[in-house]
Amino acid sequence: MGKISSLRFMLSIFGSGIILAKLLTSLLLVWLTLDWKMRKARRAFEKELIKQGMAKHDAKRISAQYTTLKDNIENAFKQSLRGWRL
């Protein structure tokens, strides 16, 4: 009976490790995708503003809000993880 329970324990630890690895991989992919899509959206927004007649410098300054928004999202997520560990 002891060998069966220790085997179940080892399998549950192994299964938990696999699930944790999948979760971390998914989080990394989301982070990379968010970063890439935010850069793409920022460039498209700048191009549209310039096309509508805005100065390039002003368009870059306004589109910098996309980067600020992305940073705020990342910081909120990091704070939620820190709060969860405590």
N, C-alpha and C. Protein backbone atom coordinates (compact mmCIF):
# COMPACT_ATOMS: atom_id res chain seq x y z
N MET A 1 0.82 -1.19 0.00
CA MET A 1 0.00 0.00 0.00
C MET A 1 0.86 1.25 0.00
N GLY A 2 2.01 1.21 0.68
CA GLY A 2 2.88 2.37 0.74
C GLY A 2 3.52 2.69 -0.59
N LYS A 3 3.84 1.66 -1.39
CA LYS A 3 4.45 1.90 -2.70
C LYS A 3 3.46 2.54 -3.66
N ILE A 4 2.21 2.16 -3.57
CA ILE A 4 1.19 2.71 -4.45
C ILE A 4 0.96 4.19 -4.14
N SER A 5 0.90 4.53 -2.86
CA SER A 5 0.66 5.94 -2.51
C SER A 5 1.87 6.80 -2.87
N SER A 6 3.08 6.27 -2.70
CA SER A 6 4.26 7.05 -3.08
C SER A 6 4.34 7.20 -4.60
N LEU A 7 3.89 6.19 -5.34
CA LEU A 7 3.86 6.28 -6.80
C LEU A 7 2.85 7.34 -7.24
N ARG A 8 1.68 7.36 -6.61
CA ARG A 8 0.68 8.38 -6.92
C ARG A 8 1.22 9.78 -6.62
N PHE A 9 1.92 9.89 -5.51
CA PHE A 9 2.50 11.18 -5.13
C PHE A 9 3.51 11.63 -6.18
N MET A 10 4.39 10.74 -6.61
CA MET A 10 5.39 11.08 -7.63
C MET A 10 4.73 11.46 -8.95
N LEU A 11 3.67 10.74 -9.33
CA LEU A 11 2.97 11.06 -10.57
C LEU A 11 2.27 12.42 -10.48
N SER A 12 1.72 12.73 -9.32
CA SER A 12 1.06 14.03 -9.17
C SER A 12 2.09 15.16 -9.21
N ILE A 13 3.27 14.96 -8.63
CA ILE A 13 4.32 15.96 -8.68
C ILE A 13 4.79 16.14 -10.12
N PHE A 14 4.98 15.05 -10.84
CA PHE A 14 5.40 15.11 -12.23
C PHE A 14 4.35 15.81 -13.09
N GLY A 15 3.08 15.46 -12.88
CA GLY A 15 1.99 16.11 -13.62
C GLY A 15 1.91 17.59 -13.33
N SER A 16 2.11 17.96 -12.07
CA SER A 16 2.09 19.38 -11.69
C SER A 16 3.23 20.13 -12.36
N GLY A 17 4.38 19.49 -12.45
CA GLY A 17 5.52 20.11 -13.12
C GLY A 17 5.26 20.35 -14.59
N ILE A 18 4.60 19.40 -15.24
CA ILE A 18 4.27 19.56 -16.66
C ILE A 18 3.28 20.71 -16.85
N ILE A 19 2.28 20.77 -15.99
CA ILE A 19 1.28 21.84 -16.08
C ILE A 19 1.93 23.20 -15.83
N LEU A 20 2.83 23.26 -14.85
CA LEU A 20 3.53 24.51 -14.56
C LEU A 20 4.40 24.95 -15.74
N ALA A 21 5.06 24.00 -16.37
CA ALA A 21 5.88 24.33 -17.54
C ALA A 21 5.02 24.86 -18.69
N LYS A 22 3.86 24.25 -18.90
CA LYS A 22 2.95 24.73 -19.95
C LYS A 22 2.46 26.14 -19.63
N LEU A 23 2.14 26.39 -18.37
CA LEU A 23 1.65 27.70 -17.96
C LEU A 23 2.73 28.77 -18.17
N LEU A 24 3.95 28.47 -17.76
CA LEU A 24 5.03 29.44 -17.93
C LEU A 24 5.34 29.69 -19.40
N THR A 25 5.26 28.66 -20.21
CA THR A 25 5.47 28.83 -21.65
C THR A 25 4.38 29.71 -22.24
N SER A 26 3.14 29.48 -21.83
CA SER A 26 2.04 30.31 -22.33
C SER A 26 2.20 31.76 -21.91
N LEU A 27 2.61 31.99 -20.67
CA LEU A 27 2.81 33.36 -20.20
C LEU A 27 3.93 34.05 -20.97
N LEU A 28 4.99 33.33 -21.26
CA LEU A 28 6.09 33.90 -22.04
C LEU A 28 5.62 34.26 -23.45
N LEU A 29 4.84 33.38 -24.07
CA LEU A 29 4.34 33.66 -25.41
C LEU A 29 3.39 34.86 -25.41
N VAL A 30 2.56 34.97 -24.39
CA VAL A 30 1.66 36.12 -24.29
C VAL A 30 2.47 37.40 -24.15
N TRP A 31 3.50 37.38 -23.32
CA TRP A 31 4.34 38.55 -23.12
C TRP A 31 5.02 38.97 -24.42
N LEU A 32 5.59 37.99 -25.13
CA LEU A 32 6.26 38.30 -26.39
C LEU A 32 5.28 38.80 -27.44
N THR A 33 4.11 38.19 -27.52
CA THR A 33 3.10 38.60 -28.48
C THR A 33 2.60 40.00 -28.17
N LEU A 34 2.36 40.29 -26.91
CA LEU A 34 1.90 41.62 -26.52
C LEU A 34 2.92 42.68 -26.90
N ASP A 35 4.17 42.39 -26.64
CA ASP A 35 5.23 43.34 -26.98
C ASP A 35 5.28 43.60 -28.49
N TRP A 36 5.21 42.54 -29.26
CA TRP A 36 5.29 42.66 -30.71
C TRP A 36 4.08 43.41 -31.26
N LYS A 37 2.89 43.05 -30.79
CA LYS A 37 1.67 43.69 -31.29
C LYS A 37 1.58 45.15 -30.87
N MET A 38 2.10 45.49 -29.71
CA MET A 38 2.08 46.89 -29.28
C MET A 38 3.01 47.72 -30.16
N ARG A 39 4.17 47.18 -30.52
CA ARG A 39 5.07 47.91 -31.41
C ARG A 39 4.42 48.11 -32.79
N LYS A 40 3.76 47.06 -33.26
CA LYS A 40 3.09 47.14 -34.55
C LYS A 40 1.96 48.17 -34.52
N ALA A 41 1.17 48.17 -33.46
CA ALA A 41 0.07 49.13 -33.33
C ALA A 41 0.60 50.55 -33.22
N ARG A 42 1.70 50.71 -32.51
CA ARG A 42 2.28 52.05 -32.36
C ARG A 42 2.74 52.59 -33.70
N ARG A 43 3.42 51.77 -34.48
CA ARG A 43 3.88 52.20 -35.79
C ARG A 43 2.71 52.54 -36.72
N ALA A 44 1.68 51.71 -36.70
CA ALA A 44 0.51 51.96 -37.55
C ALA A 44 -0.18 53.26 -37.13
N PHE A 45 -0.27 53.50 -35.84
CA PHE A 45 -0.90 54.72 -35.35
C PHE A 45 -0.09 55.94 -35.77
N GLU A 46 1.23 55.84 -35.65
CA GLU A 46 2.09 56.95 -36.09
C GLU A 46 1.91 57.23 -37.57
N LYS A 47 1.87 56.19 -38.38
CA LYS A 47 1.71 56.37 -39.83
C LYS A 47 0.38 57.05 -40.15
N GLU A 48 -0.68 56.65 -39.44
CA GLU A 48 -1.98 57.27 -39.69
C GLU A 48 -1.99 58.74 -39.29
N LEU A 49 -1.37 59.05 -38.16
CA LEU A 49 -1.32 60.45 -37.74
C LEU A 49 -0.52 61.29 -38.72
N ILE A 50 0.59 60.76 -39.19
CA ILE A 50 1.42 61.49 -40.16
C ILE A 50 0.66 61.65 -41.48
N LYS A 51 -0.08 60.59 -41.87
CA LYS A 51 -0.85 60.66 -43.10
C LYS A 51 -1.95 61.73 -43.02
N GLN A 52 -2.47 61.94 -41.80
CA GLN A 52 -3.51 62.95 -41.62
C GLN A 52 -2.94 64.37 -41.50
N GLY A 53 -1.62 64.50 -41.53
CA GLY A 53 -1.00 65.82 -41.56
C GLY A 53 -0.33 66.24 -40.26
N MET A 54 -0.21 65.36 -39.31
CA MET A 54 0.45 65.72 -38.05
C MET A 54 1.97 65.63 -38.23
N ALA A 55 2.68 66.45 -37.49
CA ALA A 55 4.15 66.41 -37.54
C ALA A 55 4.65 65.07 -36.99
N LYS A 56 5.75 64.61 -37.56
CA LYS A 56 6.29 63.30 -37.17
C LYS A 56 6.66 63.26 -35.69
N HIS A 57 7.24 64.34 -35.20
CA HIS A 57 7.63 64.40 -33.78
C HIS A 57 6.41 64.29 -32.87
N ASP A 58 5.35 65.00 -33.22
CA ASP A 58 4.13 64.97 -32.41
C ASP A 58 3.45 63.60 -32.47
N ALA A 59 3.49 63.00 -33.65
CA ALA A 59 2.90 61.66 -33.79
C ALA A 59 3.64 60.65 -32.92
N LYS A 60 4.96 60.75 -32.89
CA LYS A 60 5.74 59.84 -32.04
C LYS A 60 5.45 60.07 -30.56
N ARG A 61 5.28 61.32 -30.19
CA ARG A 61 5.01 61.65 -28.79
C ARG A 61 3.64 61.10 -28.36
N ILE A 62 2.66 61.24 -29.24
CA ILE A 62 1.32 60.73 -28.91
C ILE A 62 1.30 59.21 -28.90
N SER A 63 1.98 58.59 -29.87
CA SER A 63 1.96 57.13 -29.94
C SER A 63 2.79 56.50 -28.82
N ALA A 64 3.59 57.29 -28.13
CA ALA A 64 4.35 56.76 -26.99
C ALA A 64 3.41 56.31 -25.87
N GLN A 65 2.16 56.75 -25.93
CA GLN A 65 1.18 56.32 -24.93
C GLN A 65 0.90 54.82 -25.04
N TYR A 66 1.07 54.24 -26.23
CA TYR A 66 0.93 52.79 -26.38
C TYR A 66 1.97 52.07 -25.53
N THR A 67 3.20 52.57 -25.57
CA THR A 67 4.26 51.97 -24.77
C THR A 67 3.98 52.14 -23.29
N THR A 68 3.50 53.31 -22.91
CA THR A 68 3.16 53.55 -21.50
C THR A 68 2.05 52.61 -21.05
N LEU A 69 1.06 52.42 -21.90
CA LEU A 69 -0.04 51.51 -21.58
C LEU A 69 0.47 50.08 -21.41
N LYS A 70 1.34 49.63 -22.32
CA LYS A 70 1.91 48.29 -22.23
C LYS A 70 2.71 48.13 -20.93
N ASP A 71 3.49 49.14 -20.59
CA ASP A 71 4.26 49.08 -19.35
C ASP A 71 3.35 49.03 -18.13
N ASN A 72 2.26 49.77 -18.15
CA ASN A 72 1.31 49.73 -17.04
C ASN A 72 0.66 48.36 -16.90
N ILE A 73 0.33 47.74 -18.03
CA ILE A 73 -0.26 46.40 -18.00
C ILE A 73 0.74 45.41 -17.41
N GLU A 74 1.99 45.47 -17.87
CA GLU A 74 3.01 44.55 -17.36
C GLU A 74 3.26 44.77 -15.87
N ASN A 75 3.31 46.01 -15.43
CA ASN A 75 3.53 46.29 -14.01
C ASN A 75 2.37 45.80 -13.15
N ALA A 76 1.15 45.96 -13.65
CA ALA A 76 -0.01 45.47 -12.90
C ALA A 76 0.04 43.95 -12.78
N PHE A 77 0.43 43.28 -13.85
CA PHE A 77 0.54 41.82 -13.80
C PHE A 77 1.63 41.38 -12.84
N LYS A 78 2.77 42.06 -12.87
CA LYS A 78 3.87 41.72 -11.95
C LYS A 78 3.46 41.94 -10.50
N GLN A 79 2.74 43.03 -10.24
CA GLN A 79 2.28 43.29 -8.87
C GLN A 79 1.29 42.24 -8.41
N SER A 80 0.44 41.77 -9.32
CA SER A 80 -0.51 40.72 -8.93
C SER A 80 0.22 39.43 -8.59
N LEU A 81 1.29 39.13 -9.32
CA LEU A 81 2.07 37.94 -9.00
C LEU A 81 2.79 38.08 -7.66
N ARG A 82 3.31 39.27 -7.38
CA ARG A 82 3.98 39.49 -6.10
C ARG A 82 2.99 39.38 -4.95
N GLY A 83 1.80 39.91 -5.13
CA GLY A 83 0.77 39.82 -4.10
C GLY A 83 0.31 38.39 -3.87
N TRP A 84 0.32 37.59 -4.94
CA TRP A 84 -0.12 36.20 -4.83
C TRP A 84 0.89 35.36 -4.03
N ARG A 85 2.17 35.68 -4.17
CA ARG A 85 3.21 34.93 -3.46
C ARG A 85 3.19 35.20 -1.97
N LEU A 86 2.81 36.40 -1.57
CA LEU A 86 2.83 36.76 -0.15
C LEU A 86 1.74 36.11 0.57
